[in-house]
Amino acid sequence: MAGPTSNLPQISIADKTVAVMAVSPFEEDHASLRAIFSHSNWRISSAYSCHEAVRQLHTSPLAVLICERDLPDGTWKDLLESVTLLPFPPLIVVSSSHADDRLWAEVLNLGAYDVLSKPFDRAEVTRIVSLAWLHWKDLAAARRKLPVAEHRRASAQATA
């Protein structure tokens, strides 16, 4: 049966619940994303600044961050730079009520995953986050196969 979360990938019991973080100073963003994923096996955590998000990521690795373009202590670019050296850095989806082609091109060129327009559309959010999670899972599997030194070298090259 098709529903608002029907395009989320099915996750086997062997896999952990997919963890996504909403990084936004706006409570309405957090509430909207919680509602979108409330009937799925996805876990949404919240951070309200770059600093808070990075602190949480050091204790709980996540696959996808949905990050507001501008944060109280930086921007999505600052967050992208901060997470790059994590062992399995999350993919960043930038959200903005002023999403346009220029932002989308900048996001892709600098290494984030995609852009979501606000107000959030349930189908678009689940589609983008689903694809990001699948891509992150593939990247994480590939990194697990690299020796530590090669992983660090690959991470450094990705940020250069």
N, C-alpha and C. Protein backbone atom coordinates (compact mmCIF):
# COMPACT_ATOMS: atom_id res chain seq x y z
N MET A 1 0.84 -1.18 0.00
CA MET A 1 0.00 0.00 0.00
C MET A 1 0.88 1.25 0.00
N ALA A 2 0.63 2.14 -0.92
CA ALA A 2 1.41 3.37 -1.00
C ALA A 2 0.96 4.34 0.06
N GLY A 3 1.90 4.98 0.67
CA GLY A 3 1.62 5.99 1.69
C GLY A 3 2.75 6.97 1.71
N PRO A 4 2.70 7.91 2.65
CA PRO A 4 3.72 8.95 2.67
C PRO A 4 5.12 8.43 2.95
N THR A 5 5.24 7.28 3.57
CA THR A 5 6.57 6.74 3.83
C THR A 5 6.83 5.47 3.03
N SER A 6 6.01 5.21 2.01
CA SER A 6 6.17 3.98 1.24
C SER A 6 7.45 3.95 0.42
N ASN A 7 8.04 5.11 0.14
CA ASN A 7 9.28 5.10 -0.63
C ASN A 7 10.52 5.06 0.25
N LEU A 8 10.37 4.89 1.56
CA LEU A 8 11.52 4.68 2.43
C LEU A 8 12.04 3.28 2.20
N PRO A 9 13.34 3.11 2.17
CA PRO A 9 13.88 1.76 1.95
C PRO A 9 13.51 0.85 3.12
N GLN A 10 13.26 -0.40 2.80
CA GLN A 10 12.98 -1.38 3.84
C GLN A 10 14.30 -1.78 4.48
N ILE A 11 14.33 -1.81 5.77
CA ILE A 11 15.55 -2.10 6.51
C ILE A 11 15.36 -3.41 7.25
N SER A 12 16.31 -4.31 7.06
CA SER A 12 16.20 -5.60 7.72
C SER A 12 16.39 -5.42 9.22
N ILE A 13 15.92 -6.39 9.98
CA ILE A 13 16.06 -6.35 11.43
C ILE A 13 17.53 -6.32 11.82
N ALA A 14 18.38 -6.89 10.98
CA ALA A 14 19.81 -6.90 11.28
C ALA A 14 20.41 -5.50 11.26
N ASP A 15 19.82 -4.59 10.47
CA ASP A 15 20.30 -3.22 10.43
C ASP A 15 19.70 -2.43 11.59
N LYS A 16 20.46 -1.42 12.02
CA LYS A 16 19.94 -0.55 13.06
C LYS A 16 18.92 0.41 12.46
N THR A 17 18.13 1.01 13.32
CA THR A 17 17.22 2.04 12.87
C THR A 17 18.03 3.15 12.23
N VAL A 18 17.57 3.65 11.11
CA VAL A 18 18.27 4.72 10.42
C VAL A 18 18.12 6.00 11.23
N ALA A 19 19.24 6.65 11.46
CA ALA A 19 19.25 7.86 12.27
C ALA A 19 19.49 9.07 11.37
N VAL A 20 18.63 10.05 11.50
CA VAL A 20 18.70 11.29 10.75
C VAL A 20 18.66 12.42 11.76
N MET A 21 19.44 13.47 11.51
CA MET A 21 19.42 14.62 12.41
C MET A 21 18.90 15.85 11.67
N ALA A 22 17.98 16.54 12.31
CA ALA A 22 17.53 17.84 11.82
C ALA A 22 18.36 18.89 12.54
N VAL A 23 19.05 19.75 11.78
CA VAL A 23 19.87 20.81 12.35
C VAL A 23 19.26 22.13 11.89
N SER A 24 18.57 22.77 12.81
CA SER A 24 17.87 24.01 12.47
C SER A 24 17.58 24.79 13.73
N PRO A 25 17.63 26.12 13.65
CA PRO A 25 17.25 26.93 14.81
C PRO A 25 15.73 27.06 14.94
N PHE A 26 14.99 26.52 13.96
CA PHE A 26 13.54 26.69 13.92
C PHE A 26 12.81 25.45 14.42
N GLU A 27 12.08 25.60 15.50
CA GLU A 27 11.34 24.47 16.07
C GLU A 27 10.34 23.90 15.08
N GLU A 28 9.77 24.74 14.21
CA GLU A 28 8.79 24.23 13.25
C GLU A 28 9.43 23.25 12.26
N ASP A 29 10.72 23.41 11.96
CA ASP A 29 11.41 22.44 11.10
C ASP A 29 11.50 21.09 11.80
N HIS A 30 11.87 21.11 13.06
CA HIS A 30 11.98 19.86 13.82
C HIS A 30 10.62 19.16 13.92
N ALA A 31 9.59 19.94 14.22
CA ALA A 31 8.24 19.36 14.34
C ALA A 31 7.77 18.78 13.01
N SER A 32 8.02 19.48 11.93
CA SER A 32 7.60 19.01 10.61
C SER A 32 8.31 17.70 10.24
N LEU A 33 9.61 17.64 10.48
CA LEU A 33 10.36 16.42 10.15
C LEU A 33 9.96 15.26 11.06
N ARG A 34 9.71 15.53 12.34
CA ARG A 34 9.22 14.46 13.23
C ARG A 34 7.90 13.91 12.72
N ALA A 35 7.01 14.78 12.26
CA ALA A 35 5.72 14.33 11.74
C ALA A 35 5.89 13.51 10.46
N ILE A 36 6.79 13.93 9.59
CA ILE A 36 7.02 13.21 8.34
C ILE A 36 7.50 11.79 8.60
N PHE A 37 8.39 11.61 9.58
CA PHE A 37 8.96 10.28 9.84
C PHE A 37 8.31 9.54 11.00
N SER A 38 7.21 10.06 11.51
CA SER A 38 6.60 9.46 12.71
C SER A 38 6.08 8.05 12.49
N HIS A 39 5.75 7.68 11.27
CA HIS A 39 5.21 6.35 11.02
C HIS A 39 6.22 5.44 10.32
N SER A 40 7.49 5.75 10.51
CA SER A 40 8.54 4.94 9.89
C SER A 40 9.46 4.39 10.98
N ASN A 41 10.43 3.61 10.55
CA ASN A 41 11.42 3.10 11.50
C ASN A 41 12.65 4.01 11.52
N TRP A 42 12.50 5.23 11.08
CA TRP A 42 13.58 6.20 11.08
C TRP A 42 13.53 6.99 12.38
N ARG A 43 14.70 7.26 12.94
CA ARG A 43 14.80 8.03 14.19
C ARG A 43 15.35 9.41 13.86
N ILE A 44 14.60 10.44 14.26
CA ILE A 44 15.00 11.82 14.01
C ILE A 44 15.51 12.42 15.31
N SER A 45 16.73 12.93 15.29
CA SER A 45 17.22 13.68 16.45
C SER A 45 17.31 15.14 16.05
N SER A 46 17.48 15.99 17.03
CA SER A 46 17.47 17.43 16.78
C SER A 46 18.72 18.10 17.30
N ALA A 47 19.17 19.10 16.56
CA ALA A 47 20.23 20.01 17.00
C ALA A 47 19.82 21.39 16.50
N TYR A 48 20.22 22.40 17.26
CA TYR A 48 19.80 23.75 16.93
C TYR A 48 20.96 24.64 16.47
N SER A 49 22.18 24.07 16.42
CA SER A 49 23.36 24.83 15.99
C SER A 49 24.40 23.86 15.45
N CYS A 50 25.42 24.42 14.78
CA CYS A 50 26.54 23.60 14.29
C CYS A 50 27.22 22.89 15.45
N HIS A 51 27.54 23.65 16.48
CA HIS A 51 28.26 23.11 17.63
C HIS A 51 27.50 21.94 18.25
N GLU A 52 26.21 22.10 18.46
CA GLU A 52 25.41 21.03 19.05
C GLU A 52 25.37 19.81 18.14
N ALA A 53 25.25 20.02 16.85
CA ALA A 53 25.22 18.89 15.90
C ALA A 53 26.53 18.11 15.93
N VAL A 54 27.65 18.82 15.88
CA VAL A 54 28.97 18.16 15.88
C VAL A 54 29.17 17.39 17.18
N ARG A 55 28.79 17.98 18.29
CA ARG A 55 28.92 17.30 19.59
C ARG A 55 28.13 16.00 19.59
N GLN A 56 26.91 16.03 19.09
CA GLN A 56 26.09 14.82 19.04
C GLN A 56 26.68 13.77 18.09
N LEU A 57 27.23 14.23 16.97
CA LEU A 57 27.79 13.30 15.99
C LEU A 57 29.00 12.54 16.51
N HIS A 58 29.72 13.13 17.44
CA HIS A 58 30.88 12.44 18.01
C HIS A 58 30.45 11.30 18.93
N THR A 59 29.23 11.34 19.43
CA THR A 59 28.75 10.26 20.31
C THR A 59 27.77 9.33 19.61
N SER A 60 27.06 9.82 18.61
CA SER A 60 26.09 9.01 17.88
C SER A 60 26.22 9.25 16.38
N PRO A 61 26.94 8.38 15.69
CA PRO A 61 27.08 8.56 14.25
C PRO A 61 25.71 8.49 13.56
N LEU A 62 25.55 9.28 12.52
CA LEU A 62 24.30 9.34 11.77
C LEU A 62 24.58 9.27 10.29
N ALA A 63 23.57 8.87 9.53
CA ALA A 63 23.71 8.76 8.08
C ALA A 63 23.44 10.07 7.36
N VAL A 64 22.43 10.80 7.80
CA VAL A 64 21.97 11.98 7.06
C VAL A 64 21.69 13.12 8.02
N LEU A 65 22.13 14.32 7.64
CA LEU A 65 21.77 15.54 8.36
C LEU A 65 20.92 16.38 7.42
N ILE A 66 19.79 16.84 7.92
CA ILE A 66 18.99 17.82 7.20
C ILE A 66 19.28 19.14 7.89
N CYS A 67 20.05 19.99 7.21
CA CYS A 67 20.62 21.17 7.84
C CYS A 67 20.07 22.45 7.22
N GLU A 68 19.55 23.32 8.05
CA GLU A 68 19.12 24.64 7.61
C GLU A 68 20.32 25.37 7.01
N ARG A 69 20.10 26.13 5.98
CA ARG A 69 21.18 26.86 5.29
C ARG A 69 21.99 27.72 6.25
N ASP A 70 21.30 28.50 7.09
CA ASP A 70 21.96 29.40 8.03
C ASP A 70 21.62 29.00 9.45
N LEU A 71 22.66 28.88 10.28
CA LEU A 71 22.50 28.48 11.67
C LEU A 71 23.01 29.60 12.57
N PRO A 72 22.66 29.57 13.85
CA PRO A 72 23.10 30.65 14.74
C PRO A 72 24.61 30.80 14.85
N ASP A 73 25.35 29.71 14.67
CA ASP A 73 26.80 29.76 14.83
C ASP A 73 27.55 29.36 13.56
N GLY A 74 26.92 29.53 12.41
CA GLY A 74 27.58 29.21 11.16
C GLY A 74 26.57 28.90 10.07
N THR A 75 27.03 28.14 9.08
CA THR A 75 26.17 27.76 7.97
C THR A 75 26.33 26.26 7.72
N TRP A 76 25.59 25.77 6.75
CA TRP A 76 25.70 24.37 6.37
C TRP A 76 27.13 24.06 5.92
N LYS A 77 27.84 25.04 5.35
CA LYS A 77 29.21 24.82 4.89
C LYS A 77 30.15 24.55 6.08
N ASP A 78 29.91 25.26 7.18
CA ASP A 78 30.72 25.03 8.38
C ASP A 78 30.48 23.62 8.91
N LEU A 79 29.23 23.20 8.90
CA LEU A 79 28.90 21.86 9.37
C LEU A 79 29.51 20.81 8.45
N LEU A 80 29.43 21.03 7.15
CA LEU A 80 30.04 20.10 6.19
C LEU A 80 31.54 19.95 6.46
N GLU A 81 32.21 21.05 6.68
CA GLU A 81 33.64 21.01 6.98
C GLU A 81 33.93 20.27 8.28
N SER A 82 33.07 20.45 9.28
CA SER A 82 33.28 19.82 10.59
C SER A 82 33.09 18.30 10.56
N VAL A 83 32.19 17.81 9.71
CA VAL A 83 31.89 16.38 9.72
C VAL A 83 32.77 15.58 8.76
N THR A 84 33.51 16.24 7.89
CA THR A 84 34.27 15.56 6.85
C THR A 84 35.27 14.55 7.40
N LEU A 85 35.87 14.83 8.54
CA LEU A 85 36.91 13.93 9.06
C LEU A 85 36.37 12.85 10.00
N LEU A 86 35.05 12.80 10.18
CA LEU A 86 34.49 11.70 10.97
C LEU A 86 34.72 10.39 10.21
N PRO A 87 34.82 9.27 10.92
CA PRO A 87 35.07 7.99 10.23
C PRO A 87 34.03 7.66 9.16
N PHE A 88 32.77 7.92 9.43
CA PHE A 88 31.69 7.70 8.47
C PHE A 88 30.82 8.96 8.47
N PRO A 89 31.30 10.02 7.82
CA PRO A 89 30.58 11.29 7.89
C PRO A 89 29.18 11.19 7.29
N PRO A 90 28.24 11.86 7.91
CA PRO A 90 26.87 11.86 7.35
C PRO A 90 26.82 12.69 6.08
N LEU A 91 25.83 12.40 5.27
CA LEU A 91 25.57 13.23 4.10
C LEU A 91 24.68 14.39 4.55
N ILE A 92 24.91 15.55 3.98
CA ILE A 92 24.17 16.73 4.38
C ILE A 92 23.20 17.13 3.28
N VAL A 93 21.95 17.28 3.70
CA VAL A 93 20.89 17.80 2.84
C VAL A 93 20.58 19.19 3.39
N VAL A 94 20.74 20.21 2.57
CA VAL A 94 20.54 21.59 3.00
C VAL A 94 19.07 21.96 2.81
N SER A 95 18.50 22.60 3.82
CA SER A 95 17.11 23.05 3.71
C SER A 95 17.07 24.57 3.75
N SER A 96 16.12 25.11 2.99
CA SER A 96 15.98 26.56 2.95
C SER A 96 14.63 26.94 2.37
N SER A 97 14.06 28.01 2.90
CA SER A 97 12.83 28.53 2.31
C SER A 97 13.15 29.36 1.08
N HIS A 98 14.44 29.61 0.84
CA HIS A 98 14.89 30.35 -0.33
C HIS A 98 15.74 29.47 -1.24
N ALA A 99 15.35 28.21 -1.37
CA ALA A 99 16.10 27.29 -2.23
C ALA A 99 15.90 27.68 -3.68
N ASP A 100 17.01 27.76 -4.39
CA ASP A 100 16.96 28.07 -5.82
C ASP A 100 18.10 27.33 -6.51
N ASP A 101 18.21 27.53 -7.82
CA ASP A 101 19.24 26.84 -8.60
C ASP A 101 20.64 27.19 -8.12
N ARG A 102 20.84 28.42 -7.70
CA ARG A 102 22.17 28.85 -7.24
C ARG A 102 22.57 28.08 -5.98
N LEU A 103 21.65 27.99 -5.01
CA LEU A 103 21.95 27.24 -3.78
C LEU A 103 22.18 25.78 -4.12
N TRP A 104 21.35 25.20 -4.95
CA TRP A 104 21.48 23.79 -5.32
C TRP A 104 22.85 23.53 -5.95
N ALA A 105 23.28 24.41 -6.88
CA ALA A 105 24.59 24.23 -7.52
C ALA A 105 25.72 24.35 -6.49
N GLU A 106 25.61 25.32 -5.59
CA GLU A 106 26.64 25.50 -4.56
C GLU A 106 26.72 24.27 -3.64
N VAL A 107 25.57 23.77 -3.24
CA VAL A 107 25.51 22.60 -2.36
C VAL A 107 26.20 21.40 -3.02
N LEU A 108 25.86 21.14 -4.26
CA LEU A 108 26.44 19.98 -4.95
C LEU A 108 27.93 20.19 -5.22
N ASN A 109 28.32 21.38 -5.61
CA ASN A 109 29.73 21.66 -5.90
C ASN A 109 30.62 21.57 -4.68
N LEU A 110 30.09 21.90 -3.50
CA LEU A 110 30.92 21.88 -2.30
C LEU A 110 30.87 20.54 -1.56
N GLY A 111 30.03 19.61 -2.02
CA GLY A 111 30.07 18.27 -1.46
C GLY A 111 28.92 17.85 -0.56
N ALA A 112 27.91 18.69 -0.42
CA ALA A 112 26.72 18.24 0.30
C ALA A 112 25.89 17.39 -0.67
N TYR A 113 24.82 16.76 -0.16
CA TYR A 113 24.11 15.79 -0.98
C TYR A 113 23.01 16.42 -1.85
N ASP A 114 22.17 17.28 -1.25
CA ASP A 114 21.05 17.82 -2.01
C ASP A 114 20.43 18.98 -1.24
N VAL A 115 19.36 19.53 -1.79
CA VAL A 115 18.64 20.66 -1.19
C VAL A 115 17.17 20.30 -1.05
N LEU A 116 16.59 20.69 0.07
CA LEU A 116 15.15 20.57 0.30
C LEU A 116 14.56 21.96 0.48
N SER A 117 13.48 22.23 -0.24
CA SER A 117 12.77 23.50 -0.08
C SER A 117 11.84 23.41 1.13
N LYS A 118 11.67 24.57 1.75
CA LYS A 118 10.70 24.66 2.84
C LYS A 118 9.56 25.56 2.38
N PRO A 119 8.34 25.29 2.80
CA PRO A 119 7.98 24.25 3.75
C PRO A 119 8.20 22.86 3.17
N PHE A 120 8.51 21.92 4.06
CA PHE A 120 8.84 20.57 3.64
C PHE A 120 7.65 19.86 3.01
N ASP A 121 7.92 19.18 1.92
CA ASP A 121 6.94 18.32 1.27
C ASP A 121 7.26 16.88 1.67
N ARG A 122 6.29 16.20 2.24
CA ARG A 122 6.50 14.84 2.77
C ARG A 122 7.13 13.91 1.75
N ALA A 123 6.60 13.87 0.54
CA ALA A 123 7.12 12.95 -0.48
C ALA A 123 8.55 13.31 -0.88
N GLU A 124 8.83 14.60 -1.01
CA GLU A 124 10.17 15.03 -1.41
C GLU A 124 11.19 14.75 -0.30
N VAL A 125 10.81 15.00 0.94
CA VAL A 125 11.71 14.72 2.06
C VAL A 125 12.03 13.23 2.13
N THR A 126 11.02 12.40 2.06
CA THR A 126 11.28 10.96 2.16
C THR A 126 12.09 10.46 0.96
N ARG A 127 11.85 11.00 -0.21
CA ARG A 127 12.61 10.59 -1.40
C ARG A 127 14.08 10.98 -1.26
N ILE A 128 14.34 12.24 -0.93
CA ILE A 128 15.72 12.72 -0.84
C ILE A 128 16.47 12.01 0.29
N VAL A 129 15.84 11.90 1.45
CA VAL A 129 16.52 11.27 2.59
C VAL A 129 16.74 9.78 2.33
N SER A 130 15.79 9.13 1.69
CA SER A 130 15.95 7.71 1.34
C SER A 130 17.15 7.51 0.42
N LEU A 131 17.24 8.32 -0.61
CA LEU A 131 18.36 8.21 -1.55
C LEU A 131 19.68 8.55 -0.86
N ALA A 132 19.68 9.56 -0.01
CA ALA A 132 20.90 9.92 0.72
C ALA A 132 21.33 8.77 1.62
N TRP A 133 20.38 8.16 2.32
CA TRP A 133 20.72 7.06 3.21
C TRP A 133 21.31 5.88 2.42
N LEU A 134 20.71 5.55 1.30
CA LEU A 134 21.24 4.45 0.49
C LEU A 134 22.65 4.76 0.00
N HIS A 135 22.88 6.00 -0.41
CA HIS A 135 24.21 6.41 -0.86
C HIS A 135 25.21 6.35 0.29
N TRP A 136 24.81 6.84 1.47
CA TRP A 136 25.68 6.81 2.65
C TRP A 136 26.04 5.36 3.01
N LYS A 137 25.05 4.49 2.94
CA LYS A 137 25.28 3.08 3.26
C LYS A 137 26.32 2.48 2.32
N ASP A 138 26.24 2.80 1.02
CA ASP A 138 27.23 2.32 0.05
C ASP A 138 28.61 2.89 0.35
N LEU A 139 28.67 4.19 0.65
CA LEU A 139 29.95 4.82 0.98
C LEU A 139 30.56 4.20 2.24
N ALA A 140 29.74 3.99 3.26
CA ALA A 140 30.23 3.41 4.51
C ALA A 140 30.76 2.00 4.28
N ALA A 141 30.07 1.22 3.45
CA ALA A 141 30.54 -0.15 3.15
C ALA A 141 31.88 -0.10 2.43
N ALA A 142 32.03 0.83 1.51
CA ALA A 142 33.30 0.95 0.78
C ALA A 142 34.42 1.39 1.72
N ARG A 143 34.13 2.31 2.64
CA ARG A 143 35.16 2.77 3.57
C ARG A 143 35.59 1.67 4.53
N ARG A 144 34.68 0.81 4.89
CA ARG A 144 35.03 -0.29 5.80
C ARG A 144 36.07 -1.21 5.17
N LYS A 145 36.11 -1.24 3.85
CA LYS A 145 37.04 -2.10 3.14
C LYS A 145 38.42 -1.46 3.00
N LEU A 146 38.53 -0.14 3.20
CA LEU A 146 39.81 0.56 3.08
C LEU A 146 40.62 0.43 4.35
N PRO A 147 41.94 0.25 4.25
CA PRO A 147 42.77 0.35 5.45
C PRO A 147 42.67 1.77 6.01
N VAL A 148 42.92 1.93 7.30
CA VAL A 148 42.77 3.22 7.97
C VAL A 148 43.53 4.34 7.27
N ALA A 149 44.77 4.10 6.90
CA ALA A 149 45.58 5.14 6.25
C ALA A 149 44.95 5.56 4.92
N GLU A 150 44.45 4.60 4.14
CA GLU A 150 43.81 4.93 2.87
C GLU A 150 42.53 5.70 3.09
N HIS A 151 41.77 5.34 4.14
CA HIS A 151 40.53 6.05 4.46
C HIS A 151 40.82 7.52 4.76
N ARG A 152 41.85 7.77 5.57
CA ARG A 152 42.20 9.16 5.90
C ARG A 152 42.64 9.91 4.65
N ARG A 153 43.41 9.26 3.80
CA ARG A 153 43.88 9.88 2.57
C ARG A 153 42.68 10.18 1.66
N ALA A 154 41.74 9.25 1.55
CA ALA A 154 40.56 9.47 0.72
C ALA A 154 39.70 10.59 1.28
N SER A 155 39.56 10.68 2.60
CA SER A 155 38.80 11.76 3.22
C SER A 155 39.46 13.10 2.95
N ALA A 156 40.79 13.14 3.07
CA ALA A 156 41.51 14.39 2.84
C ALA A 156 41.38 14.83 1.39
N GLN A 157 41.43 13.88 0.45
CA GLN A 157 41.30 14.21 -0.96
C GLN A 157 39.90 14.69 -1.28
N ALA A 158 38.90 14.12 -0.62
CA ALA A 158 37.51 14.52 -0.86
C ALA A 158 37.26 15.95 -0.43
N THR A 159 38.00 16.44 0.56
CA THR A 159 37.81 17.79 1.05
C THR A 159 38.69 18.80 0.35
N ALA A 160 39.66 18.31 -0.43
CA ALA A 160 40.60 19.24 -1.12
C ALA A 160 39.96 19.89 -2.33
